[in-house]
N, C-alpha and C. Protein backbone atom coordinates (compact mmCIF):
# COMPACT_ATOMS: atom_id res chain seq x y z
N MET A 1 0.76 -1.28 0.27
CA MET A 1 0.01 -0.09 -0.13
C MET A 1 1.00 1.48 -0.06
N ASP A 2 2.19 1.12 0.78
CA ASP A 2 3.04 2.33 1.05
C ASP A 2 3.66 2.82 -0.54
N GLN A 3 3.57 1.72 -1.23
CA GLN A 3 4.29 1.62 -2.86
C GLN A 3 3.33 2.42 -3.46
N ALA A 4 2.06 1.83 -3.40
CA ALA A 4 1.14 2.76 -4.54
C ALA A 4 1.02 4.28 -3.97
N HIS A 5 0.92 4.36 -2.51
CA HIS A 5 0.95 6.14 -2.05
C HIS A 5 2.39 6.97 -2.39
N GLY A 6 3.22 6.23 -2.66
CA GLY A 6 4.22 6.56 -3.09
C GLY A 6 4.43 6.85 -4.50
N ALA A 7 3.65 6.16 -5.43
CA ALA A 7 3.86 6.25 -6.67
C ALA A 7 2.67 7.59 -7.22
N PHE A 8 1.44 7.27 -6.24
CA PHE A 8 0.46 8.36 -6.33
C PHE A 8 1.18 10.01 -6.23
N ASN A 9 1.85 9.72 -5.05
CA ASN A 9 2.34 11.21 -4.66
C ASN A 9 3.23 11.66 -5.67
N LYS A 10 4.27 10.88 -6.10
CA LYS A 10 5.13 11.18 -7.20
C LYS A 10 4.71 11.88 -8.27
N TYR A 11 3.49 10.95 -9.22
CA TYR A 11 2.62 11.16 -10.13
C TYR A 11 1.91 12.58 -9.96
N TYR A 12 1.59 12.97 -8.73
CA TYR A 12 0.42 14.24 -7.94
C TYR A 12 1.81 15.42 -7.94
N THR A 13 2.79 15.10 -7.80
CA THR A 13 3.84 15.64 -7.69
C THR A 13 4.19 16.87 -8.98
N GLU A 14 4.47 15.49 -9.97
CA GLU A 14 4.83 15.61 -11.16
C GLU A 14 3.62 16.65 -11.97
N ALA A 15 2.29 16.34 -11.71
CA ALA A 15 1.46 17.17 -12.18
C ALA A 15 1.50 18.32 -11.87
N ASP A 16 1.39 18.44 -10.69
CA ASP A 16 1.35 19.69 -10.16
C ASP A 16 2.32 20.79 -10.40
N THR A 17 3.80 20.49 -10.83
CA THR A 17 4.50 21.20 -11.12
C THR A 17 4.41 21.40 -12.61
N LEU A 18 3.73 20.56 -13.67
CA LEU A 18 3.24 21.03 -14.75
C LEU A 18 2.23 22.24 -14.81
N LEU A 19 1.15 21.79 -14.03
CA LEU A 19 -0.19 22.69 -14.23
C LEU A 19 0.36 23.93 -13.42
N ALA A 20 1.44 24.25 -12.65
CA ALA A 20 1.59 25.24 -12.04
C ALA A 20 2.10 26.42 -13.19
N ARG A 21 2.96 25.90 -14.21
CA ARG A 21 3.16 26.92 -15.46
C ARG A 21 2.13 27.35 -16.23
N LEU A 22 0.93 26.58 -15.92
CA LEU A 22 -0.49 27.70 -16.53
C LEU A 22 -1.32 28.40 -15.64
N PRO A 23 -0.96 29.84 -15.84
CA PRO A 23 -2.05 30.56 -15.23
C PRO A 23 -3.40 30.39 -15.00
N ILE A 24 -4.21 29.69 -15.73
CA ILE A 24 -5.35 29.57 -15.82
C ILE A 24 -5.65 28.14 -14.70
N ALA A 25 -5.06 27.38 -14.52
CA ALA A 25 -4.87 26.30 -13.55
C ALA A 25 -4.58 26.86 -12.24
N GLN A 26 -3.69 27.76 -12.00
CA GLN A 26 -3.48 28.54 -10.55
C GLN A 26 -4.97 29.49 -10.29
N LYS A 27 -5.48 29.98 -11.29
CA LYS A 27 -6.75 30.71 -11.05
C LYS A 27 -7.78 29.74 -10.56
N PHE A 28 -8.04 28.36 -11.40
CA PHE A 28 -8.59 27.24 -11.08
C PHE A 28 -8.52 27.08 -9.49
N GLN A 29 -7.36 26.62 -9.06
CA GLN A 29 -7.32 26.46 -7.63
C GLN A 29 -7.44 27.79 -6.85
N GLU A 30 -7.22 28.92 -7.21
CA GLU A 30 -7.41 29.83 -6.37
C GLU A 30 -8.97 30.11 -6.33
N LYS A 31 -10.02 29.90 -7.06
CA LYS A 31 -11.41 30.44 -7.17
C LYS A 31 -11.87 29.57 -6.51
N THR A 32 -11.57 28.04 -6.93
CA THR A 32 -12.34 26.80 -6.16
C THR A 32 -12.05 26.27 -5.01
N GLY A 33 -10.95 26.24 -4.71
CA GLY A 33 -10.24 26.01 -3.57
C GLY A 33 -9.99 24.71 -4.00
N VAL A 34 -10.54 23.87 -4.92
CA VAL A 34 -9.76 22.61 -5.42
C VAL A 34 -8.43 22.52 -6.22
N SER A 35 -7.74 21.35 -5.75
CA SER A 35 -6.42 21.48 -6.65
C SER A 35 -6.46 21.18 -7.65
N LYS A 36 -5.51 22.08 -8.60
CA LYS A 36 -5.33 22.09 -9.63
C LYS A 36 -4.98 20.93 -10.56
N VAL A 37 -4.75 19.82 -9.86
CA VAL A 37 -4.28 18.32 -9.97
C VAL A 37 -5.71 17.56 -10.37
N TYR A 38 -6.50 18.05 -9.28
CA TYR A 38 -7.85 17.24 -9.34
C TYR A 38 -8.89 17.79 -10.30
N GLY A 39 -8.71 19.10 -10.56
CA GLY A 39 -9.51 19.60 -11.56
C GLY A 39 -9.16 19.45 -12.94
N ALA A 40 -7.81 19.47 -13.11
CA ALA A 40 -7.12 18.58 -14.55
C ALA A 40 -7.86 17.72 -14.90
N SER A 41 -7.81 16.32 -13.89
CA SER A 41 -7.72 15.20 -13.77
C SER A 41 -9.33 15.06 -13.95
N GLY A 42 -10.36 15.83 -13.51
CA GLY A 42 -11.64 15.42 -13.18
C GLY A 42 -12.23 16.20 -15.08
N ILE A 43 -11.55 17.24 -15.78
CA ILE A 43 -11.64 17.73 -16.88
C ILE A 43 -11.26 16.36 -18.01
N ALA A 44 -10.14 15.79 -17.56
CA ALA A 44 -9.84 14.95 -18.36
C ALA A 44 -11.00 13.70 -18.52
N GLY A 45 -10.86 13.29 -17.18
CA GLY A 45 -12.10 12.19 -17.08
C GLY A 45 -13.13 12.23 -17.54
N VAL A 46 -13.66 13.33 -17.44
CA VAL A 46 -15.50 13.84 -18.18
C VAL A 46 -14.90 13.88 -20.03
N GLY A 47 -13.81 14.43 -20.55
CA GLY A 47 -13.29 14.52 -21.64
C GLY A 47 -13.52 12.86 -22.40
N LEU A 48 -12.61 12.18 -21.47
CA LEU A 48 -12.31 10.67 -22.07
C LEU A 48 -13.54 9.85 -22.04
N LEU A 49 -14.34 10.33 -21.07
CA LEU A 49 -15.61 9.86 -21.14
C LEU A 49 -16.54 9.98 -22.41
N LEU A 50 -16.59 11.41 -22.76
CA LEU A 50 -17.34 12.09 -23.81
C LEU A 50 -16.74 11.02 -25.07
N VAL A 51 -15.65 11.00 -25.20
CA VAL A 51 -14.93 10.34 -26.30
C VAL A 51 -15.21 8.68 -26.23
N PHE A 52 -15.02 8.39 -25.26
CA PHE A 52 -15.51 7.18 -24.80
C PHE A 52 -17.10 6.78 -25.62
N LEU A 53 -18.00 7.57 -25.13
CA LEU A 53 -19.76 7.48 -25.25
C LEU A 53 -19.55 8.11 -26.83
N ASN A 54 -18.80 8.61 -27.62
CA ASN A 54 -18.80 9.12 -29.07
C ASN A 54 -19.86 10.25 -28.71
N ILE A 55 -19.72 11.16 -27.79
CA ILE A 55 -20.21 12.15 -27.79
C ILE A 55 -19.65 13.70 -27.90
N GLY A 56 -19.58 14.19 -29.09
CA GLY A 56 -18.78 15.22 -29.41
C GLY A 56 -17.29 14.43 -29.82
N ALA A 57 -16.97 13.30 -29.83
CA ALA A 57 -15.61 12.84 -29.68
C ALA A 57 -14.60 13.22 -30.89
N SER A 58 -15.27 13.68 -32.00
CA SER A 58 -14.25 13.92 -33.30
C SER A 58 -14.08 15.69 -32.72
N LEU A 59 -14.56 16.23 -32.40
CA LEU A 59 -14.11 17.88 -31.84
C LEU A 59 -13.19 17.91 -30.71
N LEU A 60 -13.41 17.04 -29.79
CA LEU A 60 -12.56 16.78 -28.50
C LEU A 60 -11.01 16.14 -28.90
N VAL A 61 -11.08 14.94 -29.63
CA VAL A 61 -9.84 14.58 -30.24
C VAL A 61 -9.36 15.68 -30.76
N ASN A 62 -9.89 16.33 -32.09
CA ASN A 62 -9.01 17.27 -32.82
C ASN A 62 -8.57 18.09 -31.77
N LEU A 63 -9.33 18.96 -31.05
CA LEU A 63 -8.78 19.65 -30.18
C LEU A 63 -7.70 19.32 -29.08
N THR A 64 -8.16 18.17 -28.63
CA THR A 64 -6.17 17.68 -28.20
C THR A 64 -5.46 17.86 -28.94
N GLY A 65 -5.51 17.07 -30.51
CA GLY A 65 -4.60 17.28 -31.07
C GLY A 65 -3.70 18.47 -31.53
N PHE A 66 -4.91 19.54 -31.63
CA PHE A 66 -4.31 20.85 -32.04
C PHE A 66 -3.58 21.56 -30.73
N GLY A 67 -4.87 21.89 -29.73
CA GLY A 67 -4.53 22.60 -28.83
C GLY A 67 -3.32 22.47 -28.03
N TYR A 68 -3.11 21.22 -27.31
CA TYR A 68 -1.68 21.17 -26.86
C TYR A 68 -0.46 21.48 -27.48
N ALA A 69 -0.70 20.58 -28.91
CA ALA A 69 0.62 20.96 -29.83
C ALA A 69 0.78 22.52 -29.86
N ALA A 70 -0.38 23.23 -30.23
CA ALA A 70 -0.26 24.38 -30.36
C ALA A 70 0.75 24.91 -29.17
N TYR A 71 -0.04 25.02 -28.37
CA TYR A 71 0.66 25.74 -27.04
C TYR A 71 2.29 25.02 -26.81
N ALA A 72 2.64 23.99 -27.01
CA ALA A 72 3.97 23.51 -27.06
C ALA A 72 5.05 24.24 -27.91
N SER A 73 4.12 24.10 -29.12
CA SER A 73 5.08 24.75 -30.41
C SER A 73 5.01 26.32 -30.22
N MET A 74 4.42 26.88 -29.55
CA MET A 74 4.77 28.30 -29.40
C MET A 74 5.59 28.27 -28.12
N GLU A 75 5.75 27.61 -26.87
CA GLU A 75 6.56 27.32 -26.28
C GLU A 75 7.89 27.20 -26.62
N ALA A 76 8.15 26.15 -27.91
CA ALA A 76 9.15 25.94 -28.23
C ALA A 76 9.94 26.70 -29.09
N ILE A 77 9.11 27.51 -29.63
CA ILE A 77 9.32 28.62 -30.56
C ILE A 77 10.36 29.59 -29.41
N GLU A 78 9.95 30.04 -28.17
CA GLU A 78 10.61 31.04 -27.47
C GLU A 78 11.93 30.12 -26.73
N THR A 79 11.98 29.44 -27.11
CA THR A 79 13.21 28.54 -26.57
C THR A 79 14.38 28.60 -27.16
N PRO A 80 15.59 28.77 -26.54
CA PRO A 80 16.78 28.83 -27.22
C PRO A 80 17.20 27.76 -28.58
N GLY A 81 17.12 26.58 -27.77
CA GLY A 81 17.53 25.42 -28.71
C GLY A 81 16.52 25.00 -29.72
N LYS A 82 17.08 24.44 -30.84
CA LYS A 82 16.17 23.84 -31.79
C LYS A 82 15.58 22.27 -31.52
N GLU A 83 15.91 21.87 -30.91
CA GLU A 83 15.55 20.32 -30.75
C GLU A 83 13.90 20.31 -30.46
N ASP A 84 13.54 21.09 -29.61
CA ASP A 84 12.03 21.19 -29.67
C ASP A 84 11.11 21.75 -30.75
N ASP A 85 11.97 22.45 -31.79
CA ASP A 85 11.27 23.14 -32.84
C ASP A 85 11.13 21.84 -33.82
N ALA A 86 12.24 20.91 -33.76
CA ALA A 86 12.13 19.97 -34.76
C ALA A 86 11.29 18.93 -34.38
N GLN A 87 11.01 18.88 -33.54
CA GLN A 87 10.11 17.79 -32.64
C GLN A 87 8.44 18.17 -33.09
N TRP A 88 8.31 19.57 -32.93
CA TRP A 88 7.07 20.02 -32.96
C TRP A 88 6.50 20.22 -34.52
N LEU A 89 7.70 20.56 -34.86
CA LEU A 89 7.40 20.84 -36.82
C LEU A 89 7.16 19.24 -37.57
N THR A 90 7.62 18.36 -36.93
CA THR A 90 7.57 17.17 -37.36
C THR A 90 6.49 16.32 -36.75
N TYR A 91 5.77 16.69 -35.63
CA TYR A 91 4.56 16.74 -35.15
C TYR A 91 3.36 17.08 -36.35
N TRP A 92 3.51 18.09 -36.38
CA TRP A 92 2.64 18.98 -37.62
C TRP A 92 2.59 18.58 -38.86
N VAL A 93 3.76 18.22 -39.43
CA VAL A 93 3.80 17.28 -40.81
C VAL A 93 3.05 16.40 -40.43
N VAL A 94 3.62 15.12 -39.45
CA VAL A 94 2.59 13.77 -39.33
C VAL A 94 0.97 14.09 -38.83
N PHE A 95 0.74 15.09 -38.38
CA PHE A 95 -0.48 15.37 -37.69
C PHE A 95 -1.53 15.75 -39.12
N GLY A 96 -0.78 16.68 -39.81
CA GLY A 96 -1.63 16.92 -41.10
C GLY A 96 -1.61 16.16 -42.26
N LEU A 97 -0.58 15.29 -42.36
CA LEU A 97 -0.77 14.05 -43.35
C LEU A 97 -1.68 13.07 -42.85
N PHE A 98 -1.89 13.04 -41.53
CA PHE A 98 -3.16 12.13 -40.92
C PHE A 98 -4.64 12.54 -41.28
N ASN A 99 -4.34 13.82 -40.80
CA ASN A 99 -5.92 14.38 -41.20
C ASN A 99 -6.49 14.72 -42.53
N VAL A 100 -5.49 14.55 -43.26
CA VAL A 100 -5.90 14.41 -45.06
C VAL A 100 -6.00 13.10 -45.36
N LEU A 101 -5.50 12.10 -44.67
CA LEU A 101 -5.87 10.62 -44.94
C LEU A 101 -7.09 10.48 -44.26
N GLU A 102 -7.19 10.96 -42.94
CA GLU A 102 -8.66 10.79 -42.11
C GLU A 102 -9.86 11.36 -42.94
N TYR A 103 -9.66 12.52 -43.69
CA TYR A 103 -10.61 13.03 -44.25
C TYR A 103 -11.07 12.26 -45.51
N PHE A 104 -10.32 11.29 -46.15
CA PHE A 104 -10.68 10.42 -47.13
C PHE A 104 -11.11 9.13 -47.03
N THR A 105 -10.78 8.67 -45.70
CA THR A 105 -11.28 7.50 -45.07
C THR A 105 -12.31 7.61 -44.07
N GLY A 106 -12.43 8.94 -43.49
CA GLY A 106 -13.35 9.41 -42.38
C GLY A 106 -14.54 8.14 -42.20
N PHE A 107 -15.40 8.34 -43.68
CA PHE A 107 -16.65 7.75 -43.63
C PHE A 107 -16.50 6.05 -43.05
N LEU A 108 -15.41 5.52 -43.45
CA LEU A 108 -15.10 4.07 -43.18
C LEU A 108 -14.40 3.85 -41.84
N LEU A 109 -13.60 4.98 -41.08
CA LEU A 109 -13.24 4.87 -39.97
C LEU A 109 -14.01 5.10 -39.09
N TYR A 110 -15.48 5.55 -39.05
CA TYR A 110 -16.28 6.09 -38.01
C TYR A 110 -17.14 4.93 -37.41
N TRP A 111 -16.90 3.85 -38.55
CA TRP A 111 -17.81 2.48 -38.37
C TRP A 111 -17.12 1.86 -37.26
N PHE A 112 -15.57 1.89 -37.07
CA PHE A 112 -14.77 1.30 -36.34
C PHE A 112 -14.91 1.56 -34.97
N PRO A 113 -15.44 0.41 -33.93
CA PRO A 113 -15.51 0.45 -32.61
C PRO A 113 -14.65 1.57 -31.99
N PHE A 114 -14.46 2.09 -30.97
CA PHE A 114 -13.83 3.07 -30.40
C PHE A 114 -12.69 3.75 -31.37
N TYR A 115 -13.17 3.92 -32.43
CA TYR A 115 -12.09 4.47 -33.29
C TYR A 115 -11.41 6.01 -32.76
N TYR A 116 -12.35 7.03 -32.11
CA TYR A 116 -11.78 8.29 -31.27
C TYR A 116 -10.89 8.05 -30.26
N LEU A 117 -10.95 6.98 -29.55
CA LEU A 117 -10.25 6.47 -28.70
C LEU A 117 -8.85 5.87 -28.90
N ILE A 118 -8.94 5.35 -29.84
CA ILE A 118 -7.89 5.07 -30.92
C ILE A 118 -7.16 5.89 -31.38
N LYS A 119 -7.83 7.12 -31.77
CA LYS A 119 -6.82 8.11 -32.55
C LYS A 119 -6.36 9.12 -31.49
N LEU A 120 -6.95 9.13 -29.97
CA LEU A 120 -6.75 10.02 -29.07
C LEU A 120 -5.66 9.44 -28.38
N GLY A 121 -5.37 8.16 -28.32
CA GLY A 121 -4.52 7.51 -28.11
C GLY A 121 -3.10 7.39 -29.04
N PHE A 122 -3.33 7.57 -30.34
CA PHE A 122 -2.27 7.86 -31.34
C PHE A 122 -1.75 9.01 -31.04
N LEU A 123 -2.64 10.26 -30.99
CA LEU A 123 -2.28 11.32 -31.15
C LEU A 123 -1.36 11.81 -29.69
N VAL A 124 -1.62 11.17 -28.57
CA VAL A 124 -1.01 11.43 -27.41
C VAL A 124 0.19 10.83 -27.65
N TRP A 125 0.51 9.61 -28.21
CA TRP A 125 1.97 8.97 -28.54
C TRP A 125 2.88 9.71 -29.41
N LEU A 126 2.12 10.65 -30.61
CA LEU A 126 2.65 11.15 -31.63
C LEU A 126 3.24 12.76 -30.58
N MET A 127 2.51 12.98 -29.55
CA MET A 127 2.80 14.16 -28.95
C MET A 127 4.04 14.24 -28.04
N ALA A 128 3.62 13.06 -26.96
CA ALA A 128 4.19 12.81 -25.85
C ALA A 128 5.71 12.72 -26.15
N PRO A 129 6.58 13.73 -25.25
CA PRO A 129 8.15 14.06 -25.12
C PRO A 129 8.47 12.60 -24.96
N ALA A 130 7.99 11.61 -24.05
CA ALA A 130 8.74 10.55 -23.44
C ALA A 130 8.81 9.25 -24.66
N THR A 131 8.20 9.58 -25.64
CA THR A 131 7.77 8.79 -26.81
C THR A 131 8.11 9.20 -28.26
N ARG A 132 8.45 10.78 -28.38
CA ARG A 132 8.61 11.22 -29.72
C ARG A 132 7.99 10.54 -30.88
N GLY A 133 6.67 9.86 -30.78
CA GLY A 133 6.00 9.26 -31.62
C GLY A 133 6.13 10.21 -33.17
N ALA A 134 5.95 11.18 -33.14
CA ALA A 134 6.07 11.80 -34.53
C ALA A 134 7.42 11.69 -35.33
N GLU A 135 8.40 11.88 -34.60
CA GLU A 135 9.80 11.53 -35.16
C GLU A 135 9.57 10.64 -35.32
N ARG A 136 9.59 9.37 -34.49
CA ARG A 136 9.75 8.30 -34.93
C ARG A 136 9.12 7.55 -36.60
N LEU A 137 7.37 8.12 -36.22
CA LEU A 137 6.96 7.75 -37.49
C LEU A 137 7.47 8.40 -38.91
N TYR A 138 8.12 9.59 -38.51
CA TYR A 138 8.23 10.46 -39.46
C TYR A 138 9.73 9.56 -40.37
N HIS A 139 10.70 9.41 -39.15
CA HIS A 139 12.17 9.14 -39.63
C HIS A 139 11.67 7.63 -40.01
N SER A 140 10.83 6.76 -39.62
CA SER A 140 10.98 5.23 -40.17
C SER A 140 9.80 5.18 -41.19
N GLY A 141 9.15 5.83 -41.68
CA GLY A 141 8.16 5.62 -42.76
C GLY A 141 7.84 7.21 -43.55
N LEU A 142 7.63 8.21 -43.02
CA LEU A 142 7.38 9.15 -44.10
C LEU A 142 8.80 9.56 -44.93
N LYS A 143 9.93 9.93 -44.43
CA LYS A 143 10.97 10.43 -45.03
C LYS A 143 11.52 9.29 -45.90
N PRO A 144 11.13 8.25 -45.63
CA PRO A 144 11.84 7.03 -46.89
C PRO A 144 10.69 7.31 -48.06
N LEU A 145 9.30 7.42 -47.34
CA LEU A 145 8.29 7.66 -48.84
C LEU A 145 8.69 9.06 -49.48
N MET A 146 9.10 9.74 -48.82
CA MET A 146 9.25 10.76 -49.58
C MET A 146 10.11 11.06 -50.44
N LEU A 147 11.30 10.62 -49.79
CA LEU A 147 12.76 10.46 -50.64
C LEU A 147 12.61 9.52 -52.04
N GLN A 148 11.99 8.24 -51.85
CA GLN A 148 11.62 7.66 -53.12
C GLN A 148 10.57 8.16 -54.06
N ALA A 149 9.82 9.21 -53.84
CA ALA A 149 8.91 9.74 -54.27
C ALA A 149 9.70 10.91 -55.28
N CYS A 150 10.58 11.73 -54.67
CA CYS A 150 11.25 12.75 -55.02
C CYS A 150 12.47 12.57 -56.00
N ASN A 151 13.10 11.16 -55.67
CA ASN A 151 14.17 10.48 -56.66
C ASN A 151 13.53 9.92 -57.97
N SER A 152 12.07 9.10 -57.36
CA SER A 152 11.39 8.72 -59.09
C SER A 152 10.89 9.84 -59.91
N GLN A 153 10.76 11.02 -59.25
CA GLN A 153 10.14 12.30 -60.03
C GLN A 153 11.30 12.81 -60.84
N ARG A 154 12.54 12.84 -60.12
CA ARG A 154 14.10 13.30 -60.85
C ARG A 154 14.27 12.38 -62.07
N SER A 155 14.11 11.33 -61.73
CA SER A 155 14.70 10.43 -62.65
C SER A 155 13.61 10.31 -63.69
N VAL A 156 12.36 10.48 -63.70
CA VAL A 156 11.37 10.66 -64.89
C VAL A 156 12.01 11.71 -66.01
N PRO A 157 11.85 12.92 -66.00
CA PRO A 157 12.84 13.85 -66.65
C PRO A 157 14.32 13.43 -67.36
N ALA A 158 15.04 12.99 -66.56
CA ALA A 158 16.40 12.10 -67.31
C ALA A 158 15.87 11.24 -68.15
N ASN A 159 15.08 10.68 -67.91
CA ASN A 159 14.59 9.05 -68.92
C ASN A 159 14.29 9.78 -70.09
N LYS A 160 12.97 10.54 -69.95
CA LYS A 160 12.36 11.04 -71.22
C LYS A 160 13.44 11.85 -72.01
N ALA A 161 14.24 12.71 -71.64
CA ALA A 161 15.26 13.47 -72.15
C ALA A 161 16.40 12.21 -73.29
N ALA A 162 16.87 11.18 -72.24
CA ALA A 162 17.54 10.32 -73.16
C ALA A 162 16.85 9.67 -74.04
N GLU A 163 15.33 9.44 -74.16
CA GLU A 163 14.51 8.77 -74.76
C GLU A 163 14.43 9.94 -76.03
N ALA A 164 14.17 11.02 -76.14
CA ALA A 164 14.17 12.02 -77.07
C ALA A 164 15.44 12.27 -77.78
N LYS A 165 16.39 11.89 -77.18
CA LYS A 165 17.84 12.26 -77.90
C LYS A 165 18.07 11.02 -78.71
N SER A 166 17.52 9.82 -78.22
CA SER A 166 17.80 8.42 -79.10
C SER A 166 16.81 8.38 -80.56
N ASP A 167 15.52 9.36 -80.47
CA ASP A 167 14.76 9.45 -81.45
C ASP A 167 15.40 10.23 -82.41
């Protein structure tokens, strides 16, 4: 039991530290007297329940995928290092491609049970600094495809020029 209590305190402290950077979380705690960690957990829980029940799920998941990433991108722009800039630029490339693909396949994907929960998990995986999912996906899948497409387009004009000379 002490181990579970210790783990809870560890995560509570981490969440409290992260939320302390948000002025709105501080205001929430001052006005309501409820811990900002409990408030954020409650909001996240209600949001997750709504996604699970498919009530406004598309909007909630897309707001999550856009909202936090936009905040983190603006924060990254203000830091002197470039590593976090690259992380969020990569996220936006992957997120944009995912949304384009979803646009054309959405009518099929909607019928999959728990699609929006899976999408939410995927977006969190893409965004999370611990997993750096967007960078993994970009370097293992998107970048090789883009290089292959660019190389094949470059070779087409050269082949046509060679054919024109031989005629």
